[in-house]
Amino acid sequence: MDPFHERLARTGLAAADRYGFALAGGYAVQAAGLLERPSEDVDLFTAWDRRDEFTAAVTAVVHAYRDDGLTVETERQYDTFARLAVTDGARVAKVELGVDWRANDPILMAIGPVLHPDDAVANKMSALYGRAFARDFIDIDATLRSSRYTRHTLLALAQRADRGFDPRIFADALGQAAQLDSDDFAQYGVTGPALDNLRSRFAEWRHELLDDQKG
């Protein structure tokens, strides 16, 4: 984990743990041992049933960063989402706080509470379904190649987390793997044959889903 990001995660979680927050996003997938890749930001999320405490949690995190000698700017803040720009004078990083559904209690690790792997990959499936960024493809591909999750299991986890999850729309999202620029993947170290193989695996999954719909 990037040292500055680790500092932000530790400090943020120490302040927001009492509000049910846990490390989420790409770093939660990495904490589960599914992959290692550069990450652009730190995601800290709490459970949906604790959304009424969200504003208090954001305030606590901002104060904790400032007490740690960091400068914080709140770029966006809504009822259940906030984006902070945090700097130590040399670097700036984004910290995103949000609210999401989870099926399991977080796992306590050295860095603090971390989303349960099932919830971490379910959230990644939702990200792939909704935005289909290169990093979402990379994370889900690594999850499948770990052999800890099958395609069927990932679909089941996504549908449990989001009742509106539609496999037909998900199949369309998988087609984005072939449309994204190679540079989008290269920034995470996925190039050449590795990228070709990733795209091939998602194309195969897409055709599998479409065939299931025909059946």
Foldseek 3Di string as FASTA:
>chain_A
DPPVQLVLLLLLCVQQVVLAKAWAEPVLLVVVVLDDWDDQATEIEHEPVSLQCQVVSVVSSCVSLVVVVKDWDWPDDDSFKTWIWIDNVPDTGIYIYGYFHADDRFDQDPSGTGHDNLRRLLVLLVCLLPPNFLVSLVSVVSVVVVVPDHPVRSVVSVCVRPVPDDLLSSLVSLQCLVVDDQVSNVNGPQDDPSSVVSNVVSPVVSVVSVVVVVD
